[in-house]
Amino acid sequence: MIEHLTAETFKEKVFDYENEKEWKYKGDKPAIIDFYADWCGPCRLLAPILEEIDKEYQGKLQIYKIDTEVEQDARLCFWYTKYSYYTIYSIRWTTSNSCGCPAKK
């Protein structure tokens, strides 16, 4: 199930950027975190792809979405300013970062 996060739930479920100095993903499954804005074209293109991935990997992968227009703190902890930014995490490390809308592979 795709879960929408606030800055607070991001700190609880992904990474507490206010209190932790070293990156440590808190989840127990690999995750895709989509930093999006409702007005962003590539973000809207990515949304149905994430829904397909969510159905295909149900229970094996967590997908989080963060509205960067509302939750600007969480966006800034990743040192980027572009929209339609997503990142993929394994349990121990970041495996991929990208901007824009990729093709589903």
PDB file of N, CA and C in Angstrom:
ATOM      1  N   MET A   1       0.839  -1.179   0.000  1.00  0.00           N
ATOM      2  CA  MET A   1       0.000   0.000   0.000  1.00  0.00           C
ATOM      3  C   MET A   1       0.889   1.251   0.000  1.00  0.00           C
ATOM      4  N   ILE A   2       0.576   2.170  -0.864  1.00  0.00           N
ATOM      5  CA  ILE A   2       1.313   3.430  -0.917  1.00  0.00           C
ATOM      6  C   ILE A   2       0.893   4.268   0.280  1.00  0.00           C
ATOM      7  N   GLU A   3       1.898   4.784   0.989  1.00  0.00           N
ATOM      8  CA  GLU A   3       1.624   5.565   2.188  1.00  0.00           C
ATOM      9  C   GLU A   3       2.128   6.989   2.007  1.00  0.00           C
ATOM     10  N   HIS A   4       1.244   7.939   2.264  1.00  0.00           N
ATOM     11  CA  HIS A   4       1.616   9.356   2.217  1.00  0.00           C
ATOM     12  C   HIS A   4       2.174   9.742   3.583  1.00  0.00           C
ATOM     13  N   LEU A   5       3.335  10.389   3.556  1.00  0.00           N
ATOM     14  CA  LEU A   5       4.006  10.756   4.801  1.00  0.00           C
ATOM     15  C   LEU A   5       3.984  12.260   5.028  1.00  0.00           C
ATOM     16  N   THR A   6       3.967  12.623   6.295  1.00  0.00           N
ATOM     17  CA  THR A   6       4.223  14.002   6.710  1.00  0.00           C
ATOM     18  C   THR A   6       5.688  14.038   7.135  1.00  0.00           C
ATOM     19  N   ALA A   7       6.184  15.219   7.479  1.00  0.00           N
ATOM     20  CA  ALA A   7       7.558  15.300   7.984  1.00  0.00           C
ATOM     21  C   ALA A   7       7.698  14.447   9.246  1.00  0.00           C
ATOM     22  N   GLU A   8       6.683  14.468  10.098  1.00  0.00           N
ATOM     23  CA  GLU A   8       6.746  13.683  11.343  1.00  0.00           C
ATOM     24  C   GLU A   8       6.757  12.186  11.078  1.00  0.00           C
ATOM     25  N   THR A   9       5.872  11.698  10.208  1.00  0.00           N
ATOM     26  CA  THR A   9       5.860  10.257   9.943  1.00  0.00           C
ATOM     27  C   THR A   9       7.098   9.840   9.145  1.00  0.00           C
ATOM     28  N   PHE A  10       7.648  10.763   8.340  1.00  0.00           N
ATOM     29  CA  PHE A  10       8.901  10.486   7.652  1.00  0.00           C
ATOM     30  C   PHE A  10      10.006  10.217   8.682  1.00  0.00           C
ATOM     31  N   LYS A  11      10.063  11.059   9.704  1.00  0.00           N
ATOM     32  CA  LYS A  11      11.082  10.879  10.749  1.00  0.00           C
ATOM     33  C   LYS A  11      10.875   9.589  11.526  1.00  0.00           C
ATOM     34  N   GLU A  12       9.640   9.164  11.697  1.00  0.00           N
ATOM     35  CA  GLU A  12       9.348   7.914  12.417  1.00  0.00           C
ATOM     36  C   GLU A  12       9.641   6.670  11.581  1.00  0.00           C
ATOM     37  N   LYS A  13       9.325   6.715  10.286  1.00  0.00           N
ATOM     38  CA  LYS A  13       9.376   5.509   9.458  1.00  0.00           C
ATOM     39  C   LYS A  13      10.578   5.405   8.532  1.00  0.00           C
ATOM     40  N   VAL A  14      11.191   6.548   8.220  1.00  0.00           N
ATOM     41  CA  VAL A  14      12.281   6.531   7.248  1.00  0.00           C
ATOM     42  C   VAL A  14      13.594   6.965   7.883  1.00  0.00           C
ATOM     43  N   PHE A  15      13.675   8.214   8.305  1.00  0.00           N
ATOM     44  CA  PHE A  15      14.919   8.735   8.853  1.00  0.00           C
ATOM     45  C   PHE A  15      14.628   9.981   9.676  1.00  0.00           C
ATOM     46  N   ASP A  16      15.127  10.019  10.897  1.00  0.00           N
ATOM     47  CA  ASP A  16      14.949  11.179  11.770  1.00  0.00           C
ATOM     48  C   ASP A  16      16.084  12.167  11.505  1.00  0.00           C
ATOM     49  N   TYR A  17      15.883  13.024  10.517  1.00  0.00           N
ATOM     50  CA  TYR A  17      16.925  13.959  10.093  1.00  0.00           C
ATOM     51  C   TYR A  17      17.194  15.063  11.107  1.00  0.00           C
ATOM     52  N   GLU A  18      16.338  15.217  12.105  1.00  0.00           N
ATOM     53  CA  GLU A  18      16.594  16.232  13.126  1.00  0.00           C
ATOM     54  C   GLU A  18      17.508  15.721  14.241  1.00  0.00           C
ATOM     55  N   ASN A  19      17.442  14.434  14.539  1.00  0.00           N
ATOM     56  CA  ASN A  19      18.191  13.889  15.675  1.00  0.00           C
ATOM     57  C   ASN A  19      19.326  12.942  15.315  1.00  0.00           C
ATOM     58  N   GLU A  20      19.346  12.449  14.097  1.00  0.00           N
ATOM     59  CA  GLU A  20      20.382  11.495  13.679  1.00  0.00           C
ATOM     60  C   GLU A  20      21.408  12.201  12.804  1.00  0.00           C
ATOM     61  N   LYS A  21      22.652  11.875  12.990  1.00  0.00           N
ATOM     62  CA  LYS A  21      23.722  12.479  12.179  1.00  0.00           C
ATOM     63  C   LYS A  21      24.119  11.593  11.009  1.00  0.00           C
ATOM     64  N   GLU A  22      24.024  10.298  11.181  1.00  0.00           N
ATOM     65  CA  GLU A  22      24.399   9.355  10.139  1.00  0.00           C
ATOM     66  C   GLU A  22      23.152   8.699   9.574  1.00  0.00           C
ATOM     67  N   TRP A  23      23.089   8.599   8.244  1.00  0.00           N
ATOM     68  CA  TRP A  23      21.927   8.021   7.580  1.00  0.00           C
ATOM     69  C   TRP A  23      21.697   6.584   8.026  1.00  0.00           C
ATOM     70  N   LYS A  24      20.466   6.282   8.411  1.00  0.00           N
ATOM     71  CA  LYS A  24      20.056   4.914   8.711  1.00  0.00           C
ATOM     72  C   LYS A  24      18.573   4.818   8.405  1.00  0.00           C
ATOM     73  N   TYR A  25      18.241   4.082   7.371  1.00  0.00           N
ATOM     74  CA  TYR A  25      16.852   3.854   6.990  1.00  0.00           C
ATOM     75  C   TYR A  25      16.193   2.991   8.054  1.00  0.00           C
ATOM     76  N   LYS A  26      15.035   3.403   8.557  1.00  0.00           N
ATOM     77  CA  LYS A  26      14.366   2.719   9.662  1.00  0.00           C
ATOM     78  C   LYS A  26      13.488   1.550   9.217  1.00  0.00           C
ATOM     79  N   GLY A  27      13.220   1.431   7.952  1.00  0.00           N
ATOM     80  CA  GLY A  27      12.293   0.400   7.472  1.00  0.00           C
ATOM     81  C   GLY A  27      12.866  -1.007   7.506  1.00  0.00           C
ATOM     82  N   ASP A  28      11.964  -1.973   7.384  1.00  0.00           N
ATOM     83  CA  ASP A  28      12.376  -3.376   7.353  1.00  0.00           C
ATOM     84  C   ASP A  28      12.201  -4.005   5.969  1.00  0.00           C
ATOM     85  N   LYS A  29      11.792  -3.192   4.973  1.00  0.00           N
ATOM     86  CA  LYS A  29      11.665  -3.631   3.579  1.00  0.00           C
ATOM     87  C   LYS A  29      12.298  -2.561   2.695  1.00  0.00           C
ATOM     88  N   PRO A  30      12.716  -2.934   1.501  1.00  0.00           N
ATOM     89  CA  PRO A  30      13.169  -1.906   0.558  1.00  0.00           C
ATOM     90  C   PRO A  30      12.044  -0.900   0.336  1.00  0.00           C
ATOM     91  N   ALA A  31      12.402   0.331  -0.008  1.00  0.00           N
ATOM     92  CA  ALA A  31      11.398   1.375  -0.171  1.00  0.00           C
ATOM     93  C   ALA A  31      11.702   2.279  -1.351  1.00  0.00           C
ATOM     94  N   ILE A  32      10.639   2.792  -1.936  1.00  0.00           N
ATOM     95  CA  ILE A  32      10.722   3.877  -2.904  1.00  0.00           C
ATOM     96  C   ILE A  32      10.078   5.072  -2.217  1.00  0.00           C
ATOM     97  N   ILE A  33      10.773   6.191  -2.214  1.00  0.00           N
ATOM     98  CA  ILE A  33      10.227   7.409  -1.632  1.00  0.00           C
ATOM     99  C   ILE A  33      10.075   8.422  -2.758  1.00  0.00           C
ATOM    100  N   ASP A  34       8.850   8.818  -3.008  1.00  0.00           N
ATOM    101  CA  ASP A  34       8.533   9.744  -4.088  1.00  0.00           C
ATOM    102  C   ASP A  34       8.277  11.122  -3.502  1.00  0.00           C
ATOM    103  N   PHE A  35       9.146  12.070  -3.811  1.00  0.00           N
ATOM    104  CA  PHE A  35       8.971  13.465  -3.412  1.00  0.00           C
ATOM    105  C   PHE A  35       8.265  14.148  -4.584  1.00  0.00           C
ATOM    106  N   TYR A  36       7.020  14.551  -4.376  1.00  0.00           N
ATOM    107  CA  TYR A  36       6.217  15.021  -5.497  1.00  0.00           C
ATOM    108  C   TYR A  36       5.515  16.342  -5.176  1.00  0.00           C
ATOM    109  N   ALA A  37       4.968  16.956  -6.227  1.00  0.00           N
ATOM    110  CA  ALA A  37       4.082  18.115  -6.102  1.00  0.00           C
ATOM    111  C   ALA A  37       2.906  17.863  -7.040  1.00  0.00           C
ATOM    112  N   ASP A  38       1.708  18.234  -6.628  1.00  0.00           N
ATOM    113  CA  ASP A  38       0.507  17.978  -7.433  1.00  0.00           C
ATOM    114  C   ASP A  38       0.558  18.630  -8.807  1.00  0.00           C
ATOM    115  N   TRP A  39       1.206  19.771  -8.920  1.00  0.00           N
ATOM    116  CA  TRP A  39       1.248  20.498 -10.185  1.00  0.00           C
ATOM    117  C   TRP A  39       2.322  19.988 -11.141  1.00  0.00           C
ATOM    118  N   CYS A  40       3.177  19.096 -10.683  1.00  0.00           N
ATOM    119  CA  CYS A  40       4.350  18.636 -11.446  1.00  0.00           C
ATOM    120  C   CYS A  40       3.968  17.552 -12.463  1.00  0.00           C
ATOM    121  N   GLY A  41       4.211  17.832 -13.745  1.00  0.00           N
ATOM    122  CA  GLY A  41       3.891  16.872 -14.812  1.00  0.00           C
ATOM    123  C   GLY A  41       4.577  15.525 -14.668  1.00  0.00           C
ATOM    124  N   PRO A  42       5.912  15.478 -14.524  1.00  0.00           N
ATOM    125  CA  PRO A  42       6.576  14.191 -14.346  1.00  0.00           C
ATOM    126  C   PRO A  42       6.092  13.440 -13.092  1.00  0.00           C
ATOM    127  N   CYS A  43       5.733  14.183 -12.054  1.00  0.00           N
ATOM    128  CA  CYS A  43       5.205  13.548 -10.837  1.00  0.00           C
ATOM    129  C   CYS A  43       3.891  12.834 -11.143  1.00  0.00           C
ATOM    130  N   ARG A  44       3.030  13.494 -11.930  1.00  0.00           N
ATOM    131  CA  ARG A  44       1.747  12.876 -12.287  1.00  0.00           C
ATOM    132  C   ARG A  44       1.960  11.661 -13.185  1.00  0.00           C
ATOM    133  N   LEU A  45       2.988  11.690 -14.021  1.00  0.00           N
ATOM    134  CA  LEU A  45       3.294  10.530 -14.867  1.00  0.00           C
ATOM    135  C   LEU A  45       3.816   9.359 -14.042  1.00  0.00           C
ATOM    136  N   LEU A  46       4.548   9.658 -12.991  1.00  0.00           N
ATOM    137  CA  LEU A  46       5.127   8.611 -12.152  1.00  0.00           C
ATOM    138  C   LEU A  46       4.082   7.919 -11.272  1.00  0.00           C
ATOM    139  N   ALA A  47       3.030   8.628 -10.877  1.00  0.00           N
ATOM    140  CA  ALA A  47       2.037   8.094  -9.939  1.00  0.00           C
ATOM    141  C   ALA A  47       1.444   6.748 -10.376  1.00  0.00           C
ATOM    142  N   PRO A  48       0.954   6.574 -11.615  1.00  0.00           N
ATOM    143  CA  PRO A  48       0.392   5.271 -11.992  1.00  0.00           C
ATOM    144  C   PRO A  48       1.447   4.163 -12.061  1.00  0.00           C
ATOM    145  N   ILE A  49       2.676   4.527 -12.369  1.00  0.00           N
ATOM    146  CA  ILE A  49       3.759   3.538 -12.380  1.00  0.00           C
ATOM    147  C   ILE A  49       3.994   3.022 -10.964  1.00  0.00           C
ATOM    148  N   LEU A  50       4.002   3.943  -9.988  1.00  0.00           N
ATOM    149  CA  LEU A  50       4.169   3.525  -8.594  1.00  0.00           C
ATOM    150  C   LEU A  50       3.008   2.655  -8.128  1.00  0.00           C
ATOM    151  N   GLU A  51       1.797   2.941  -8.593  1.00  0.00           N
ATOM    152  CA  GLU A  51       0.646   2.109  -8.238  1.00  0.00           C
ATOM    153  C   GLU A  51       0.804   0.696  -8.787  1.00  0.00           C
ATOM    154  N   GLU A  52       1.290   0.571 -10.030  1.00  0.00           N
ATOM    155  CA  GLU A  52       1.546  -0.757 -10.619  1.00  0.00           C
ATOM    156  C   GLU A  52       2.616  -1.502  -9.829  1.00  0.00           C
ATOM    157  N   ILE A  53       3.698  -0.809  -9.505  1.00  0.00           N
ATOM    158  CA  ILE A  53       4.781  -1.428  -8.736  1.00  0.00           C
ATOM    159  C   ILE A  53       4.272  -1.863  -7.370  1.00  0.00           C
ATOM    160  N   ASP A  54       3.448  -1.040  -6.756  1.00  0.00           N
ATOM    161  CA  ASP A  54       2.888  -1.376  -5.452  1.00  0.00           C
ATOM    162  C   ASP A  54       2.079  -2.668  -5.514  1.00  0.00           C
ATOM    163  N   LYS A  55       1.254  -2.825  -6.539  1.00  0.00           N
ATOM    164  CA  LYS A  55       0.453  -4.054  -6.693  1.00  0.00           C
ATOM    165  C   LYS A  55       1.344  -5.262  -6.962  1.00  0.00           C
ATOM    166  N   GLU A  56       2.339  -5.070  -7.801  1.00  0.00           N
ATOM    167  CA  GLU A  56       3.222  -6.171  -8.197  1.00  0.00           C
ATOM    168  C   GLU A  56       4.099  -6.671  -7.041  1.00  0.00           C
ATOM    169  N   TYR A  57       4.518  -5.764  -6.159  1.00  0.00           N
ATOM    170  CA  TYR A  57       5.434  -6.123  -5.067  1.00  0.00           C
ATOM    171  C   TYR A  57       4.784  -6.005  -3.696  1.00  0.00           C
ATOM    172  N   GLN A  58       3.479  -6.189  -3.638  1.00  0.00           N
ATOM    173  CA  GLN A  58       2.722  -6.081  -2.389  1.00  0.00           C
ATOM    174  C   GLN A  58       3.389  -6.903  -1.282  1.00  0.00           C
ATOM    175  N   GLY A  59       3.681  -6.243  -0.168  1.00  0.00           N
ATOM    176  CA  GLY A  59       4.277  -6.932   0.978  1.00  0.00           C
ATOM    177  C   GLY A  59       5.788  -7.083   0.920  1.00  0.00           C
ATOM    178  N   LYS A  60       6.396  -6.812  -0.242  1.00  0.00           N
ATOM    179  CA  LYS A  60       7.845  -6.967  -0.397  1.00  0.00           C
ATOM    180  C   LYS A  60       8.563  -5.621  -0.487  1.00  0.00           C
ATOM    181  N   LEU A  61       7.798  -4.565  -0.708  1.00  0.00           N
ATOM    182  CA  LEU A  61       8.349  -3.243  -0.970  1.00  0.00           C
ATOM    183  C   LEU A  61       7.410  -2.203  -0.374  1.00  0.00           C
ATOM    184  N   GLN A  62       7.964  -1.167   0.213  1.00  0.00           N
ATOM    185  CA  GLN A  62       7.159  -0.066   0.739  1.00  0.00           C
ATOM    186  C   GLN A  62       7.316   1.138  -0.174  1.00  0.00           C
ATOM    187  N   ILE A  63       6.212   1.759  -0.534  1.00  0.00           N
ATOM    188  CA  ILE A  63       6.252   2.988  -1.320  1.00  0.00           C
ATOM    189  C   ILE A  63       5.698   4.113  -0.461  1.00  0.00           C
ATOM    190  N   TYR A  64       6.517   5.153  -0.315  1.00  0.00           N
ATOM    191  CA  TYR A  64       6.118   6.347   0.430  1.00  0.00           C
ATOM    192  C   TYR A  64       6.050   7.517  -0.535  1.00  0.00           C
ATOM    193  N   LYS A  65       5.108   8.418  -0.298  1.00  0.00           N
ATOM    194  CA  LYS A  65       4.992   9.642  -1.081  1.00  0.00           C
ATOM    195  C   LYS A  65       5.007  10.815  -0.115  1.00  0.00           C
ATOM    196  N   ILE A  66       5.730  11.877  -0.511  1.00  0.00           N
ATOM    197  CA  ILE A  66       5.814  13.082   0.302  1.00  0.00           C
ATOM    198  C   ILE A  66       5.492  14.278  -0.582  1.00  0.00           C
ATOM    199  N   ASP A  67       4.445  15.019  -0.209  1.00  0.00           N
ATOM    200  CA  ASP A  67       4.057  16.224  -0.931  1.00  0.00           C
ATOM    201  C   ASP A  67       5.030  17.332  -0.537  1.00  0.00           C
ATOM    202  N   THR A  68       5.915  17.679  -1.448  1.00  0.00           N
ATOM    203  CA  THR A  68       6.976  18.641  -1.131  1.00  0.00           C
ATOM    204  C   THR A  68       6.472  20.075  -1.009  1.00  0.00           C
ATOM    205  N   GLU A  69       5.279  20.344  -1.491  1.00  0.00           N
ATOM    206  CA  GLU A  69       4.703  21.668  -1.301  1.00  0.00           C
ATOM    207  C   GLU A  69       4.267  21.846   0.153  1.00  0.00           C
ATOM    208  N   VAL A  70       3.873  20.761   0.798  1.00  0.00           N
ATOM    209  CA  VAL A  70       3.404  20.797   2.182  1.00  0.00           C
ATOM    210  C   VAL A  70       4.537  20.490   3.156  1.00  0.00           C
ATOM    211  N   GLU A  71       5.331  19.488   2.849  1.00  0.00           N
ATOM    212  CA  GLU A  71       6.370  18.985   3.759  1.00  0.00           C
ATOM    213  C   GLU A  71       7.754  19.411   3.294  1.00  0.00           C
ATOM    214  N   GLN A  72       8.028  20.696   3.324  1.00  0.00           N
ATOM    215  CA  GLN A  72       9.290  21.203   2.814  1.00  0.00           C
ATOM    216  C   GLN A  72      10.479  20.801   3.666  1.00  0.00           C
ATOM    217  N   ASP A  73      10.303  20.573   4.948  1.00  0.00           N
ATOM    218  CA  ASP A  73      11.393  20.095   5.811  1.00  0.00           C
ATOM    219  C   ASP A  73      11.964  18.781   5.317  1.00  0.00           C
ATOM    220  N   ALA A  74      11.090  17.823   5.039  1.00  0.00           N
ATOM    221  CA  ALA A  74      11.536  16.498   4.584  1.00  0.00           C
ATOM    222  C   ALA A  74      12.258  16.603   3.254  1.00  0.00           C
ATOM    223  N   ARG A  75      11.800  17.496   2.387  1.00  0.00           N
ATOM    224  CA  ARG A  75      12.456  17.681   1.091  1.00  0.00           C
ATOM    225  C   ARG A  75      13.862  18.223   1.278  1.00  0.00           C
ATOM    226  N   LEU A  76      14.013  19.179   2.164  1.00  0.00           N
ATOM    227  CA  LEU A  76      15.308  19.820   2.339  1.00  0.00           C
ATOM    228  C   LEU A  76      16.350  18.899   2.962  1.00  0.00           C
ATOM    229  N   CYS A  77      15.926  17.891   3.714  1.00  0.00           N
ATOM    230  CA  CYS A  77      16.915  17.003   4.323  1.00  0.00           C
ATOM    231  C   CYS A  77      17.655  16.184   3.266  1.00  0.00           C
ATOM    232  N   PHE A  78      17.151  16.150   2.040  1.00  0.00           N
ATOM    233  CA  PHE A  78      17.830  15.418   0.968  1.00  0.00           C
ATOM    234  C   PHE A  78      18.616  16.341   0.046  1.00  0.00           C
ATOM    235  N   TRP A  79      18.727  17.617   0.395  1.00  0.00           N
ATOM    236  CA  TRP A  79      19.563  18.578  -0.329  1.00  0.00           C
ATOM    237  C   TRP A  79      19.241  18.670  -1.813  1.00  0.00           C
ATOM    238  N   TYR A  80      17.985  18.732  -2.130  1.00  0.00           N
ATOM    239  CA  TYR A  80      17.627  18.907  -3.530  1.00  0.00           C
ATOM    240  C   TYR A  80      16.498  19.913  -3.621  1.00  0.00           C
ATOM    241  N   THR A  81      16.296  20.465  -4.794  1.00  0.00           N
ATOM    242  CA  THR A  81      15.247  21.453  -4.972  1.00  0.00           C
ATOM    243  C   THR A  81      14.313  21.103  -6.118  1.00  0.00           C
ATOM    244  N   LYS A  82      14.589  20.044  -6.858  1.00  0.00           N
ATOM    245  CA  LYS A  82      13.730  19.675  -7.979  1.00  0.00           C
ATOM    246  C   LYS A  82      12.557  18.824  -7.499  1.00  0.00           C
ATOM    247  N   TYR A  83      11.501  18.847  -8.275  1.00  0.00           N
ATOM    248  CA  TYR A  83      10.349  17.995  -8.004  1.00  0.00           C
ATOM    249  C   TYR A  83      10.471  16.735  -8.834  1.00  0.00           C
ATOM    250  N   SER A  84       9.560  15.829  -8.618  1.00  0.00           N
ATOM    251  CA  SER A  84       9.594  14.527  -9.264  1.00  0.00           C
ATOM    252  C   SER A  84      10.942  13.867  -8.998  1.00  0.00           C
ATOM    253  N   TYR A  85      11.321  13.895  -7.750  1.00  0.00           N
ATOM    254  CA  TYR A  85      12.553  13.269  -7.289  1.00  0.00           C
ATOM    255  C   TYR A  85      12.154  12.040  -6.506  1.00  0.00           C
ATOM    256  N   TYR A  86      12.759  10.922  -6.825  1.00  0.00           N
ATOM    257  CA  TYR A  86      12.460   9.736  -6.039  1.00  0.00           C
ATOM    258  C   TYR A  86      13.769   9.044  -5.712  1.00  0.00           C
ATOM    259  N   THR A  87      13.732   8.257  -4.684  1.00  0.00           N
ATOM    260  CA  THR A  87      14.914   7.512  -4.285  1.00  0.00           C
ATOM    261  C   THR A  87      14.492   6.124  -3.866  1.00  0.00           C
ATOM    262  N   ILE A  88      15.341   5.159  -4.094  1.00  0.00           N
ATOM    263  CA  ILE A  88      15.051   3.765  -3.763  1.00  0.00           C
ATOM    264  C   ILE A  88      16.031   3.328  -2.681  1.00  0.00           C
ATOM    265  N   TYR A  89      15.495   2.749  -1.627  1.00  0.00           N
ATOM    266  CA  TYR A  89      16.322   2.313  -0.508  1.00  0.00           C
ATOM    267  C   TYR A  89      16.219   0.812  -0.315  1.00  0.00           C
ATOM    268  N   SER A  90      17.348   0.210  -0.076  1.00  0.00           N
ATOM    269  CA  SER A  90      17.342  -1.158   0.414  1.00  0.00           C
ATOM    270  C   SER A  90      17.357  -1.023   1.933  1.00  0.00           C
ATOM    271  N   ILE A  91      17.479  -2.097   2.638  1.00  0.00           N
ATOM    272  CA  ILE A  91      17.476  -2.032   4.090  1.00  0.00           C
ATOM    273  C   ILE A  91      18.712  -1.289   4.600  1.00  0.00           C
ATOM    274  N   ARG A  92      19.822  -1.380   3.912  1.00  0.00           N
ATOM    275  CA  ARG A  92      21.076  -0.838   4.437  1.00  0.00           C
ATOM    276  C   ARG A  92      21.623   0.373   3.710  1.00  0.00           C
ATOM    277  N   TRP A  93      21.223   0.629   2.482  1.00  0.00           N
ATOM    278  CA  TRP A  93      21.847   1.729   1.758  1.00  0.00           C
ATOM    279  C   TRP A  93      20.909   2.269   0.681  1.00  0.00           C
ATOM    280  N   THR A  94      21.242   3.435   0.194  1.00  0.00           N
ATOM    281  CA  THR A  94      20.524   4.023  -0.931  1.00  0.00           C
ATOM    282  C   THR A  94      21.025   3.334  -2.189  1.00  0.00           C
ATOM    283  N   THR A  95      20.113   2.864  -3.016  1.00  0.00           N
ATOM    284  CA  THR A  95      20.534   2.171  -4.218  1.00  0.00           C
ATOM    285  C   THR A  95      20.342   2.994  -5.476  1.00  0.00           C
ATOM    286  N   SER A  96      19.485   4.021  -5.423  1.00  0.00           N
ATOM    287  CA  SER A  96      19.253   4.808  -6.624  1.00  0.00           C
ATOM    288  C   SER A  96      18.574   6.120  -6.268  1.00  0.00           C
ATOM    289  N   ASN A  97      18.947   7.169  -6.962  1.00  0.00           N
ATOM    290  CA  ASN A  97      18.282   8.470  -6.868  1.00  0.00           C
ATOM    291  C   ASN A  97      18.029   8.932  -8.288  1.00  0.00           C
ATOM    292  N   SER A  98      16.898   9.597  -8.518  1.00  0.00           N
ATOM    293  CA  SER A  98      16.631  10.068  -9.847  1.00  0.00           C
ATOM    294  C   SER A  98      15.618  11.200  -9.839  1.00  0.00           C
ATOM    295  N   CYS A  99      15.660  12.014 -10.881  1.00  0.00           N
ATOM    296  CA  CYS A  99      14.664  13.048 -11.097  1.00  0.00           C
ATOM    297  C   CYS A  99      13.907  12.705 -12.362  1.00  0.00           C
ATOM    298  N   GLY A 100      12.665  13.129 -12.441  1.00  0.00           N
ATOM    299  CA  GLY A 100      11.864  12.874 -13.628  1.00  0.00           C
ATOM    300  C   GLY A 100      11.095  11.586 -13.518  1.00  0.00           C
ATOM    301  N   CYS A 101      10.511  11.172 -14.614  1.00  0.00           N
ATOM    302  CA  CYS A 101       9.679   9.970 -14.624  1.00  0.00           C
ATOM    303  C   CYS A 101      10.353   8.882 -15.455  1.00  0.00           C
ATOM    304  N   PRO A 102      10.793   7.800 -14.816  1.00  0.00           N
ATOM    305  CA  PRO A 102      11.443   6.722 -15.565  1.00  0.00           C
ATOM    306  C   PRO A 102      10.403   5.800 -16.190  1.00  0.00           C
ATOM    307  N   ALA A 103      10.835   5.000 -17.135  1.00  0.00           N
ATOM    308  CA  ALA A 103       9.980   3.939 -17.655  1.00  0.00           C
ATOM    309  C   ALA A 103       9.963   2.806 -16.638  1.00  0.00           C
ATOM    310  N   LYS A 104       8.838   2.119 -16.525  1.00  0.00           N
ATOM    311  CA  LYS A 104       8.765   0.967 -15.614  1.00  0.00           C
ATOM    312  C   LYS A 104       9.567  -0.157 -16.246  1.00  0.00           C
ATOM    313  N   LYS A 105      10.489  -0.735 -15.470  1.00  0.00           N
ATOM    314  CA  LYS A 105      11.326  -1.828 -15.998  1.00  0.00           C
ATOM    315  C   LYS A 105      11.045  -3.095 -15.239  1.00  0.00           C
TER     316      LYS A 105
END
